[in-house]
Amino acid sequence: MRWRLACTIPVREMSFHAQFEHWVPEPVEKVFLFFANPGNLPRIMPPSSGTELRELRLVPPPGVDAIRSTVSSLPPLAGVGSEIVTSFRLLPFLPFRGEWIARITEFEWNDHFADEQKKGPFKKFHHRHSFVREDRNHVIGTLVKDAIDYEVGFGILGTLAQRVAIRRIFQEMFEYRQQALPKLLGS
C-alpha cells in the first residue's frame, strides 16, 4: 500500500491531504459495485472502530431506478445526493461514540465517486474513491485509490490530534481495508 500525507498551512486552519492505493485481483465493475453499496462500509472498517450503519437516505445513481436502488434482492447503491449515517467509536479504546453523516457529491459508473462530511468530527472532509483497471502479472484487477482532503479544526488541539492520532487512525483503517477487501470480494 502506498501512503502519502501532505500538509498545507493556510493562515488559520491546517488542511491535510492523504492518499492511499491498493490493488485487488478483481474487475473494476465488481469492485465499484462493492464500494457503491453503503452496506459494505462497516465491513471494510477495522472492528476496533465499531462502525455501524444508522440510516441510509438513498438517491439512485444514473441509470438505476429507485426500486432497484432500495427495494430489491440486489444491494442498494448510493448515487449523488445520498446520505449515509454511521456511528463509530471516537477513539478505539474509549466507549464514546460519534455520528458521521456523509453525502455523496459525485458518481461516475466504474470510475469514481466522492463523499463529503455533512456532520462529523472534522471541520471539512472530502473523500474521493477512484477505480482504475490495472493488469499485474497477466491478472486483470483494480487499483483502488482514495484521496482525502480534510481540516481537523479546533486550532492547536486539532493540530495535536492530527500528529498524535488522526494520521495513525487513517493508516490503520486503510491497512485493514487492504487486507479485508480481497477476502470480501472472494479474491
N, C-alpha and C. Protein backbone atom coordinates (compact mmCIF):
# COMPACT_ATOMS: atom_id res chain seq x y z
N MET A 1 0.85 -1.17 0.00
CA MET A 1 0.00 0.00 0.00
C MET A 1 0.89 1.23 0.00
N ARG A 2 0.55 2.16 -0.86
CA ARG A 2 1.27 3.42 -0.86
C ARG A 2 0.53 4.39 0.03
N TRP A 3 1.26 5.14 0.82
CA TRP A 3 0.68 6.08 1.77
C TRP A 3 1.42 7.39 1.64
N ARG A 4 0.67 8.47 1.54
CA ARG A 4 1.29 9.77 1.48
C ARG A 4 0.39 10.75 2.20
N LEU A 5 0.95 11.55 3.05
CA LEU A 5 0.21 12.58 3.76
C LEU A 5 0.88 13.90 3.45
N ALA A 6 0.12 14.83 2.91
CA ALA A 6 0.67 16.14 2.60
C ALA A 6 -0.03 17.16 3.48
N CYS A 7 0.66 18.18 3.84
CA CYS A 7 0.11 19.19 4.73
C CYS A 7 0.35 20.57 4.12
N THR A 8 -0.71 21.35 4.04
CA THR A 8 -0.57 22.74 3.65
C THR A 8 -1.03 23.58 4.82
N ILE A 9 -0.44 24.73 5.00
CA ILE A 9 -0.77 25.55 6.16
C ILE A 9 -1.34 26.89 5.71
N PRO A 10 -2.69 27.02 5.70
CA PRO A 10 -3.27 28.33 5.44
C PRO A 10 -3.12 29.22 6.67
N VAL A 11 -3.67 30.40 6.61
CA VAL A 11 -3.49 31.37 7.69
C VAL A 11 -4.01 30.86 9.03
N ARG A 12 -5.21 30.29 9.08
CA ARG A 12 -5.80 29.94 10.37
C ARG A 12 -5.88 28.45 10.66
N GLU A 13 -6.37 27.66 9.75
CA GLU A 13 -6.55 26.23 9.99
C GLU A 13 -5.56 25.42 9.16
N MET A 14 -5.34 24.20 9.58
CA MET A 14 -4.45 23.32 8.83
C MET A 14 -5.28 22.38 7.97
N SER A 15 -4.93 22.33 6.68
CA SER A 15 -5.55 21.40 5.75
C SER A 15 -4.59 20.25 5.52
N PHE A 16 -5.15 19.07 5.39
CA PHE A 16 -4.33 17.88 5.18
C PHE A 16 -4.84 17.12 3.97
N HIS A 17 -3.95 16.38 3.36
CA HIS A 17 -4.29 15.53 2.22
C HIS A 17 -3.66 14.16 2.47
N ALA A 18 -4.46 13.12 2.35
CA ALA A 18 -3.95 11.76 2.49
C ALA A 18 -4.36 10.97 1.25
N GLN A 19 -3.46 10.13 0.77
CA GLN A 19 -3.74 9.27 -0.38
C GLN A 19 -3.38 7.85 -0.04
N PHE A 20 -4.24 6.93 -0.47
CA PHE A 20 -3.99 5.51 -0.28
C PHE A 20 -4.31 4.81 -1.58
N GLU A 21 -3.54 3.78 -1.90
CA GLU A 21 -3.79 2.98 -3.09
C GLU A 21 -3.57 1.51 -2.75
N HIS A 22 -4.43 0.66 -3.27
CA HIS A 22 -4.18 -0.77 -3.20
C HIS A 22 -4.86 -1.45 -4.37
N TRP A 23 -4.28 -2.56 -4.76
CA TRP A 23 -4.73 -3.31 -5.92
C TRP A 23 -5.40 -4.59 -5.47
N VAL A 24 -6.50 -4.93 -6.14
CA VAL A 24 -7.18 -6.20 -5.88
C VAL A 24 -7.38 -6.93 -7.21
N PRO A 25 -7.25 -8.24 -7.20
CA PRO A 25 -7.36 -9.02 -8.45
C PRO A 25 -8.81 -9.28 -8.85
N GLU A 26 -9.58 -8.22 -8.99
CA GLU A 26 -10.99 -8.32 -9.38
C GLU A 26 -11.28 -7.22 -10.39
N PRO A 27 -12.25 -7.43 -11.30
CA PRO A 27 -12.55 -6.40 -12.29
C PRO A 27 -13.16 -5.14 -11.67
N VAL A 28 -12.93 -4.02 -12.35
CA VAL A 28 -13.41 -2.72 -11.87
C VAL A 28 -14.90 -2.76 -11.56
N GLU A 29 -15.69 -3.37 -12.43
CA GLU A 29 -17.14 -3.37 -12.25
C GLU A 29 -17.54 -4.02 -10.92
N LYS A 30 -16.91 -5.09 -10.56
CA LYS A 30 -17.21 -5.78 -9.30
C LYS A 30 -16.77 -4.95 -8.10
N VAL A 31 -15.58 -4.37 -8.17
CA VAL A 31 -15.05 -3.57 -7.05
C VAL A 31 -15.88 -2.31 -6.87
N PHE A 32 -16.22 -1.65 -7.98
CA PHE A 32 -17.02 -0.43 -7.90
C PHE A 32 -18.38 -0.70 -7.25
N LEU A 33 -19.07 -1.77 -7.69
CA LEU A 33 -20.37 -2.10 -7.10
C LEU A 33 -20.26 -2.38 -5.61
N PHE A 34 -19.18 -3.02 -5.20
CA PHE A 34 -18.97 -3.31 -3.79
C PHE A 34 -18.90 -2.00 -3.00
N PHE A 35 -18.10 -1.04 -3.48
CA PHE A 35 -17.93 0.23 -2.77
C PHE A 35 -19.16 1.12 -2.87
N ALA A 36 -19.91 1.05 -3.97
CA ALA A 36 -21.10 1.90 -4.15
C ALA A 36 -22.26 1.44 -3.28
N ASN A 37 -22.15 0.26 -2.67
CA ASN A 37 -23.16 -0.25 -1.75
C ASN A 37 -22.78 0.19 -0.34
N PRO A 38 -23.49 1.16 0.23
CA PRO A 38 -23.12 1.65 1.57
C PRO A 38 -23.20 0.59 2.66
N GLY A 39 -23.91 -0.49 2.40
CA GLY A 39 -23.99 -1.58 3.38
C GLY A 39 -22.65 -2.25 3.62
N ASN A 40 -21.71 -2.07 2.70
CA ASN A 40 -20.39 -2.67 2.87
C ASN A 40 -19.44 -1.83 3.71
N LEU A 41 -19.81 -0.60 4.00
CA LEU A 41 -18.90 0.28 4.75
C LEU A 41 -18.44 -0.33 6.08
N PRO A 42 -19.33 -0.83 6.94
CA PRO A 42 -18.85 -1.42 8.19
C PRO A 42 -17.93 -2.62 7.98
N ARG A 43 -18.08 -3.30 6.87
CA ARG A 43 -17.27 -4.49 6.59
C ARG A 43 -15.83 -4.16 6.24
N ILE A 44 -15.58 -2.94 5.76
CA ILE A 44 -14.21 -2.56 5.38
C ILE A 44 -13.55 -1.66 6.42
N MET A 45 -14.23 -1.46 7.54
CA MET A 45 -13.67 -0.67 8.63
C MET A 45 -13.12 -1.61 9.70
N PRO A 46 -12.02 -1.23 10.34
CA PRO A 46 -11.48 -2.09 11.40
C PRO A 46 -12.52 -2.33 12.49
N PRO A 47 -12.60 -3.54 13.01
CA PRO A 47 -13.56 -3.83 14.08
C PRO A 47 -13.42 -2.88 15.27
N SER A 48 -12.20 -2.41 15.54
CA SER A 48 -11.98 -1.51 16.68
C SER A 48 -12.72 -0.18 16.51
N SER A 49 -13.11 0.18 15.27
CA SER A 49 -13.84 1.43 15.06
C SER A 49 -15.31 1.30 15.45
N GLY A 50 -15.79 0.06 15.53
CA GLY A 50 -17.19 -0.16 15.89
C GLY A 50 -18.16 0.51 14.94
N THR A 51 -17.81 0.64 13.66
CA THR A 51 -18.65 1.34 12.70
C THR A 51 -19.97 0.61 12.49
N GLU A 52 -21.07 1.36 12.60
CA GLU A 52 -22.42 0.83 12.40
C GLU A 52 -23.19 1.76 11.49
N LEU A 53 -23.96 1.18 10.57
CA LEU A 53 -24.87 1.99 9.75
C LEU A 53 -26.09 2.31 10.59
N ARG A 54 -26.46 3.59 10.64
CA ARG A 54 -27.64 4.00 11.40
C ARG A 54 -28.82 4.30 10.48
N GLU A 55 -28.52 4.89 9.32
CA GLU A 55 -29.60 5.28 8.41
C GLU A 55 -29.03 5.49 7.01
N LEU A 56 -29.81 5.14 6.01
CA LEU A 56 -29.46 5.39 4.61
C LEU A 56 -30.58 6.21 3.98
N ARG A 57 -30.21 7.32 3.38
CA ARG A 57 -31.15 8.13 2.60
C ARG A 57 -30.62 8.08 1.17
N LEU A 58 -31.11 7.11 0.41
CA LEU A 58 -30.51 6.82 -0.89
C LEU A 58 -31.19 7.55 -2.04
N VAL A 59 -30.35 8.05 -2.92
CA VAL A 59 -30.76 8.59 -4.21
C VAL A 59 -30.09 7.67 -5.22
N PRO A 60 -30.85 7.07 -6.13
CA PRO A 60 -30.23 6.12 -7.04
C PRO A 60 -29.23 6.78 -7.98
N PRO A 61 -28.18 6.04 -8.34
CA PRO A 61 -27.22 6.55 -9.31
C PRO A 61 -27.84 6.60 -10.70
N PRO A 62 -27.19 7.29 -11.65
CA PRO A 62 -27.74 7.38 -13.01
C PRO A 62 -27.98 5.99 -13.61
N GLY A 63 -29.16 5.84 -14.20
CA GLY A 63 -29.49 4.58 -14.86
C GLY A 63 -30.10 3.53 -13.96
N VAL A 64 -30.28 3.84 -12.68
CA VAL A 64 -30.86 2.88 -11.73
C VAL A 64 -32.13 3.50 -11.16
N ASP A 65 -33.25 2.78 -11.27
CA ASP A 65 -34.48 3.34 -10.72
C ASP A 65 -34.51 3.17 -9.20
N ALA A 66 -35.39 3.93 -8.57
CA ALA A 66 -35.45 3.95 -7.10
C ALA A 66 -35.77 2.58 -6.52
N ILE A 67 -36.62 1.82 -7.17
CA ILE A 67 -36.96 0.48 -6.66
C ILE A 67 -35.71 -0.40 -6.65
N ARG A 68 -34.95 -0.40 -7.71
CA ARG A 68 -33.72 -1.21 -7.79
C ARG A 68 -32.71 -0.75 -6.75
N SER A 69 -32.68 0.55 -6.49
CA SER A 69 -31.70 1.09 -5.57
C SER A 69 -32.02 0.77 -4.11
N THR A 70 -33.29 0.59 -3.80
CA THR A 70 -33.64 0.44 -2.39
C THR A 70 -34.40 -0.83 -2.04
N VAL A 71 -35.31 -1.28 -2.90
CA VAL A 71 -36.16 -2.41 -2.54
C VAL A 71 -36.01 -3.50 -3.61
N SER A 72 -35.05 -4.36 -3.41
CA SER A 72 -34.86 -5.48 -4.32
C SER A 72 -33.92 -6.47 -3.64
N SER A 73 -33.71 -7.57 -4.31
CA SER A 73 -32.77 -8.55 -3.77
C SER A 73 -31.33 -8.15 -4.08
N LEU A 74 -31.16 -7.12 -4.89
CA LEU A 74 -29.82 -6.63 -5.22
C LEU A 74 -29.38 -5.61 -4.17
N PRO A 75 -28.09 -5.43 -3.98
CA PRO A 75 -27.63 -4.48 -2.96
C PRO A 75 -27.99 -3.05 -3.33
N PRO A 76 -28.29 -2.21 -2.32
CA PRO A 76 -28.60 -0.81 -2.59
C PRO A 76 -27.35 -0.07 -3.07
N LEU A 77 -27.57 0.97 -3.86
CA LEU A 77 -26.46 1.78 -4.36
C LEU A 77 -26.72 3.23 -4.01
N ALA A 78 -25.65 3.96 -3.71
CA ALA A 78 -25.76 5.36 -3.29
C ALA A 78 -25.27 6.28 -4.39
N GLY A 79 -26.20 7.01 -5.02
CA GLY A 79 -25.85 7.98 -6.04
C GLY A 79 -25.72 9.37 -5.43
N VAL A 80 -25.50 10.37 -6.29
CA VAL A 80 -25.33 11.75 -5.85
C VAL A 80 -26.56 12.19 -5.07
N GLY A 81 -26.32 12.79 -3.91
CA GLY A 81 -27.39 13.24 -3.03
C GLY A 81 -27.72 12.26 -1.92
N SER A 82 -27.24 11.04 -2.02
CA SER A 82 -27.47 10.05 -0.95
C SER A 82 -26.76 10.49 0.32
N GLU A 83 -27.35 10.15 1.45
CA GLU A 83 -26.72 10.41 2.74
C GLU A 83 -26.61 9.11 3.51
N ILE A 84 -25.41 8.89 4.06
CA ILE A 84 -25.12 7.69 4.83
C ILE A 84 -24.81 8.13 6.25
N VAL A 85 -25.59 7.64 7.20
CA VAL A 85 -25.41 8.00 8.60
C VAL A 85 -24.78 6.80 9.31
N THR A 86 -23.61 7.02 9.89
CA THR A 86 -22.92 5.97 10.63
C THR A 86 -22.62 6.43 12.05
N SER A 87 -22.37 5.45 12.88
CA SER A 87 -21.93 5.67 14.24
C SER A 87 -20.60 4.94 14.38
N PHE A 88 -19.68 5.51 15.15
CA PHE A 88 -18.36 4.92 15.29
C PHE A 88 -17.77 5.32 16.65
N ARG A 89 -16.76 4.58 17.06
CA ARG A 89 -16.04 4.94 18.28
C ARG A 89 -15.12 6.11 17.98
N LEU A 90 -15.19 7.15 18.79
CA LEU A 90 -14.33 8.31 18.58
C LEU A 90 -12.86 7.94 18.71
N LEU A 91 -12.55 7.15 19.70
CA LEU A 91 -11.21 6.58 19.87
C LEU A 91 -11.40 5.10 20.17
N PRO A 92 -10.65 4.23 19.49
CA PRO A 92 -10.87 2.79 19.62
C PRO A 92 -10.86 2.25 21.05
N PHE A 93 -10.14 2.90 21.93
CA PHE A 93 -10.01 2.37 23.29
C PHE A 93 -11.01 2.99 24.26
N LEU A 94 -11.91 3.87 23.78
CA LEU A 94 -12.91 4.50 24.65
C LEU A 94 -14.31 4.12 24.18
N PRO A 95 -15.28 4.08 25.10
CA PRO A 95 -16.64 3.68 24.72
C PRO A 95 -17.46 4.79 24.06
N PHE A 96 -16.96 6.02 24.00
CA PHE A 96 -17.70 7.14 23.44
C PHE A 96 -17.87 6.99 21.93
N ARG A 97 -19.09 7.29 21.46
CA ARG A 97 -19.39 7.14 20.04
C ARG A 97 -19.68 8.49 19.41
N GLY A 98 -19.39 8.58 18.13
CA GLY A 98 -19.69 9.77 17.36
C GLY A 98 -20.60 9.41 16.20
N GLU A 99 -21.20 10.42 15.62
CA GLU A 99 -22.05 10.21 14.45
C GLU A 99 -21.40 10.89 13.25
N TRP A 100 -21.52 10.26 12.11
CA TRP A 100 -20.96 10.80 10.88
C TRP A 100 -22.06 10.73 9.82
N ILE A 101 -22.31 11.86 9.17
CA ILE A 101 -23.23 11.89 8.04
C ILE A 101 -22.41 12.26 6.82
N ALA A 102 -22.36 11.36 5.86
CA ALA A 102 -21.64 11.59 4.61
C ALA A 102 -22.66 11.75 3.49
N ARG A 103 -22.40 12.70 2.60
CA ARG A 103 -23.27 12.95 1.45
C ARG A 103 -22.48 12.68 0.18
N ILE A 104 -23.04 11.86 -0.71
CA ILE A 104 -22.39 11.56 -1.99
C ILE A 104 -22.52 12.79 -2.88
N THR A 105 -21.39 13.28 -3.38
CA THR A 105 -21.37 14.50 -4.19
C THR A 105 -20.98 14.26 -5.65
N GLU A 106 -20.40 13.11 -5.94
CA GLU A 106 -20.00 12.77 -7.31
C GLU A 106 -20.23 11.27 -7.49
N PHE A 107 -20.58 10.88 -8.72
CA PHE A 107 -20.76 9.46 -9.02
C PHE A 107 -20.60 9.27 -10.52
N GLU A 108 -19.60 8.54 -10.93
CA GLU A 108 -19.42 8.17 -12.33
C GLU A 108 -19.15 6.67 -12.36
N TRP A 109 -20.07 5.93 -13.00
CA TRP A 109 -20.01 4.47 -13.01
C TRP A 109 -18.61 3.96 -13.32
N ASN A 110 -18.16 3.02 -12.50
CA ASN A 110 -16.90 2.28 -12.68
C ASN A 110 -15.68 3.16 -12.81
N ASP A 111 -15.78 4.40 -12.36
CA ASP A 111 -14.65 5.32 -12.39
C ASP A 111 -14.38 5.92 -11.01
N HIS A 112 -15.37 6.60 -10.44
CA HIS A 112 -15.16 7.22 -9.13
C HIS A 112 -16.49 7.62 -8.51
N PHE A 113 -16.44 7.87 -7.21
CA PHE A 113 -17.49 8.60 -6.52
C PHE A 113 -16.83 9.33 -5.37
N ALA A 114 -17.51 10.34 -4.87
CA ALA A 114 -16.93 11.14 -3.79
C ALA A 114 -18.01 11.42 -2.75
N ASP A 115 -17.55 11.58 -1.53
CA ASP A 115 -18.46 11.96 -0.45
C ASP A 115 -17.83 13.08 0.36
N GLU A 116 -18.70 13.88 0.96
CA GLU A 116 -18.27 14.94 1.86
C GLU A 116 -18.99 14.76 3.18
N GLN A 117 -18.28 15.15 4.23
CA GLN A 117 -18.89 15.09 5.55
C GLN A 117 -19.92 16.20 5.67
N LYS A 118 -21.15 15.81 6.01
CA LYS A 118 -22.19 16.79 6.30
C LYS A 118 -22.18 17.09 7.81
N LYS A 119 -21.94 16.03 8.59
CA LYS A 119 -21.83 16.17 10.04
C LYS A 119 -20.82 15.14 10.51
N GLY A 120 -19.92 15.53 11.39
CA GLY A 120 -18.93 14.59 11.90
C GLY A 120 -17.81 15.28 12.64
N PRO A 121 -16.73 14.55 12.85
CA PRO A 121 -15.66 15.05 13.72
C PRO A 121 -14.71 16.08 13.08
N PHE A 122 -14.78 16.25 11.77
CA PHE A 122 -13.85 17.16 11.10
C PHE A 122 -14.52 18.48 10.77
N LYS A 123 -13.70 19.51 10.61
CA LYS A 123 -14.22 20.79 10.16
C LYS A 123 -14.65 20.67 8.70
N LYS A 124 -13.82 20.03 7.89
CA LYS A 124 -14.13 19.74 6.49
C LYS A 124 -13.56 18.36 6.17
N PHE A 125 -14.25 17.63 5.28
CA PHE A 125 -13.78 16.29 4.91
C PHE A 125 -14.34 15.96 3.54
N HIS A 126 -13.47 15.68 2.59
CA HIS A 126 -13.86 15.27 1.23
C HIS A 126 -13.05 14.02 0.89
N HIS A 127 -13.76 12.97 0.45
CA HIS A 127 -13.12 11.68 0.17
C HIS A 127 -13.51 11.25 -1.23
N ARG A 128 -12.52 11.10 -2.09
CA ARG A 128 -12.77 10.65 -3.47
C ARG A 128 -12.23 9.24 -3.63
N HIS A 129 -13.12 8.33 -4.06
CA HIS A 129 -12.78 6.93 -4.30
C HIS A 129 -12.67 6.76 -5.81
N SER A 130 -11.51 6.34 -6.31
CA SER A 130 -11.31 6.13 -7.74
C SER A 130 -10.96 4.67 -8.00
N PHE A 131 -11.35 4.17 -9.18
CA PHE A 131 -11.16 2.77 -9.53
C PHE A 131 -10.57 2.71 -10.93
N VAL A 132 -9.40 2.09 -11.05
CA VAL A 132 -8.69 2.05 -12.32
C VAL A 132 -8.35 0.61 -12.65
N ARG A 133 -8.71 0.20 -13.88
CA ARG A 133 -8.33 -1.15 -14.33
C ARG A 133 -6.81 -1.20 -14.44
N GLU A 134 -6.23 -2.25 -13.85
CA GLU A 134 -4.78 -2.40 -13.92
C GLU A 134 -4.43 -3.88 -13.96
N ASP A 135 -3.64 -4.26 -14.95
CA ASP A 135 -3.19 -5.65 -15.07
C ASP A 135 -1.85 -5.80 -14.36
N ARG A 136 -1.75 -6.86 -13.57
CA ARG A 136 -0.49 -7.17 -12.89
C ARG A 136 -0.21 -8.66 -13.10
N ASN A 137 0.94 -8.93 -13.68
CA ASN A 137 1.34 -10.31 -13.95
C ASN A 137 0.25 -11.07 -14.69
N HIS A 138 -0.33 -10.45 -15.69
CA HIS A 138 -1.36 -11.03 -16.54
C HIS A 138 -2.66 -11.30 -15.79
N VAL A 139 -2.88 -10.62 -14.69
CA VAL A 139 -4.13 -10.73 -13.93
C VAL A 139 -4.83 -9.38 -14.01
N ILE A 140 -6.07 -9.39 -14.49
CA ILE A 140 -6.85 -8.15 -14.56
C ILE A 140 -7.35 -7.83 -13.17
N GLY A 141 -7.09 -6.63 -12.74
CA GLY A 141 -7.50 -6.22 -11.41
C GLY A 141 -7.89 -4.75 -11.38
N THR A 142 -8.06 -4.25 -10.17
CA THR A 142 -8.48 -2.87 -9.97
C THR A 142 -7.56 -2.20 -8.97
N LEU A 143 -7.09 -1.03 -9.34
CA LEU A 143 -6.34 -0.18 -8.42
C LEU A 143 -7.37 0.74 -7.76
N VAL A 144 -7.53 0.59 -6.46
CA VAL A 144 -8.46 1.41 -5.69
C VAL A 144 -7.66 2.57 -5.12
N LYS A 145 -8.08 3.79 -5.45
CA LYS A 145 -7.38 4.99 -4.97
C LYS A 145 -8.31 5.78 -4.07
N ASP A 146 -7.80 6.19 -2.95
CA ASP A 146 -8.56 7.03 -2.03
C ASP A 146 -7.77 8.32 -1.83
N ALA A 147 -8.43 9.45 -2.08
CA ALA A 147 -7.83 10.76 -1.84
C ALA A 147 -8.72 11.50 -0.86
N ILE A 148 -8.13 11.90 0.25
CA ILE A 148 -8.89 12.55 1.32
C ILE A 148 -8.30 13.92 1.59
N ASP A 149 -9.13 14.94 1.51
CA ASP A 149 -8.75 16.30 1.88
C ASP A 149 -9.59 16.67 3.09
N TYR A 150 -8.92 17.14 4.14
CA TYR A 150 -9.66 17.41 5.37
C TYR A 150 -9.01 18.51 6.19
N GLU A 151 -9.84 19.11 7.03
CA GLU A 151 -9.39 20.04 8.06
C GLU A 151 -9.91 19.52 9.39
N VAL A 152 -9.03 19.48 10.35
CA VAL A 152 -9.40 18.95 11.66
C VAL A 152 -10.20 19.97 12.46
N GLY A 153 -9.84 21.24 12.37
CA GLY A 153 -10.48 22.26 13.20
C GLY A 153 -9.87 22.26 14.60
N PHE A 154 -10.45 22.99 15.50
CA PHE A 154 -10.04 23.07 16.90
C PHE A 154 -8.64 23.65 17.11
N GLY A 155 -8.14 24.43 16.14
CA GLY A 155 -6.87 25.12 16.31
C GLY A 155 -5.71 24.22 16.67
N ILE A 156 -4.97 24.61 17.71
CA ILE A 156 -3.78 23.86 18.11
C ILE A 156 -4.13 22.47 18.61
N LEU A 157 -5.31 22.31 19.22
CA LEU A 157 -5.73 20.99 19.69
C LEU A 157 -5.96 20.05 18.49
N GLY A 158 -6.53 20.58 17.41
CA GLY A 158 -6.72 19.79 16.21
C GLY A 158 -5.41 19.39 15.58
N THR A 159 -4.45 20.32 15.58
CA THR A 159 -3.12 20.03 15.04
C THR A 159 -2.46 18.93 15.86
N LEU A 160 -2.58 19.01 17.15
CA LEU A 160 -2.02 17.98 18.03
C LEU A 160 -2.71 16.64 17.78
N ALA A 161 -4.05 16.64 17.63
CA ALA A 161 -4.78 15.40 17.35
C ALA A 161 -4.32 14.79 16.03
N GLN A 162 -4.07 15.63 15.02
CA GLN A 162 -3.57 15.14 13.74
C GLN A 162 -2.24 14.43 13.92
N ARG A 163 -1.33 15.06 14.65
CA ARG A 163 0.01 14.49 14.85
C ARG A 163 -0.01 13.22 15.69
N VAL A 164 -0.86 13.21 16.72
CA VAL A 164 -0.86 12.11 17.67
C VAL A 164 -1.73 10.93 17.22
N ALA A 165 -2.90 11.21 16.63
CA ALA A 165 -3.85 10.12 16.41
C ALA A 165 -4.42 10.00 15.00
N ILE A 166 -4.85 11.09 14.40
CA ILE A 166 -5.64 11.00 13.17
C ILE A 166 -4.86 10.33 12.05
N ARG A 167 -3.64 10.73 11.84
CA ARG A 167 -2.84 10.13 10.77
C ARG A 167 -2.70 8.61 10.98
N ARG A 168 -2.44 8.21 12.20
CA ARG A 168 -2.30 6.79 12.52
C ARG A 168 -3.62 6.05 12.32
N ILE A 169 -4.73 6.66 12.70
CA ILE A 169 -6.05 6.02 12.53
C ILE A 169 -6.33 5.80 11.05
N PHE A 170 -6.04 6.81 10.21
CA PHE A 170 -6.23 6.64 8.77
C PHE A 170 -5.35 5.50 8.24
N GLN A 171 -4.11 5.49 8.64
CA GLN A 171 -3.20 4.46 8.15
C GLN A 171 -3.69 3.07 8.55
N GLU A 172 -4.08 2.89 9.80
CA GLU A 172 -4.58 1.60 10.26
C GLU A 172 -5.87 1.20 9.53
N MET A 173 -6.74 2.19 9.29
CA MET A 173 -8.01 1.92 8.61
C MET A 173 -7.76 1.41 7.20
N PHE A 174 -6.84 2.04 6.46
CA PHE A 174 -6.60 1.61 5.09
C PHE A 174 -5.74 0.35 5.02
N GLU A 175 -4.91 0.11 6.00
CA GLU A 175 -4.20 -1.18 6.06
C GLU A 175 -5.20 -2.30 6.29
N TYR A 176 -6.16 -2.08 7.17
CA TYR A 176 -7.19 -3.09 7.42
C TYR A 176 -7.99 -3.33 6.13
N ARG A 177 -8.38 -2.26 5.47
CA ARG A 177 -9.15 -2.38 4.23
C ARG A 177 -8.38 -3.17 3.18
N GLN A 178 -7.09 -2.92 3.10
CA GLN A 178 -6.26 -3.62 2.11
C GLN A 178 -6.27 -5.12 2.38
N GLN A 179 -6.25 -5.52 3.63
CA GLN A 179 -6.27 -6.94 3.98
C GLN A 179 -7.67 -7.55 3.82
N ALA A 180 -8.70 -6.78 4.16
CA ALA A 180 -10.06 -7.31 4.15
C ALA A 180 -10.67 -7.39 2.75
N LEU A 181 -10.36 -6.45 1.90
CA LEU A 181 -11.04 -6.35 0.61
C LEU A 181 -10.92 -7.61 -0.25
N PRO A 182 -9.74 -8.19 -0.43
CA PRO A 182 -9.69 -9.41 -1.25
C PRO A 182 -10.56 -10.54 -0.69
N LYS A 183 -10.62 -10.67 0.62
CA LYS A 183 -11.47 -11.71 1.23
C LYS A 183 -12.94 -11.42 0.99
N LEU A 184 -13.33 -10.16 1.15
CA LEU A 184 -14.74 -9.78 0.98
C LEU A 184 -15.19 -9.91 -0.46
N LEU A 185 -14.28 -9.71 -1.40
CA LEU A 185 -14.61 -9.83 -2.81
C LEU A 185 -14.44 -11.25 -3.34
N GLY A 186 -13.93 -12.14 -2.50
CA GLY A 186 -13.75 -13.52 -2.91
C GLY A 186 -12.54 -13.75 -3.78
N SER A 187 -11.53 -12.87 -3.66
CA SER A 187 -10.31 -13.00 -4.48
C SER A 187 -9.46 -14.15 -3.99
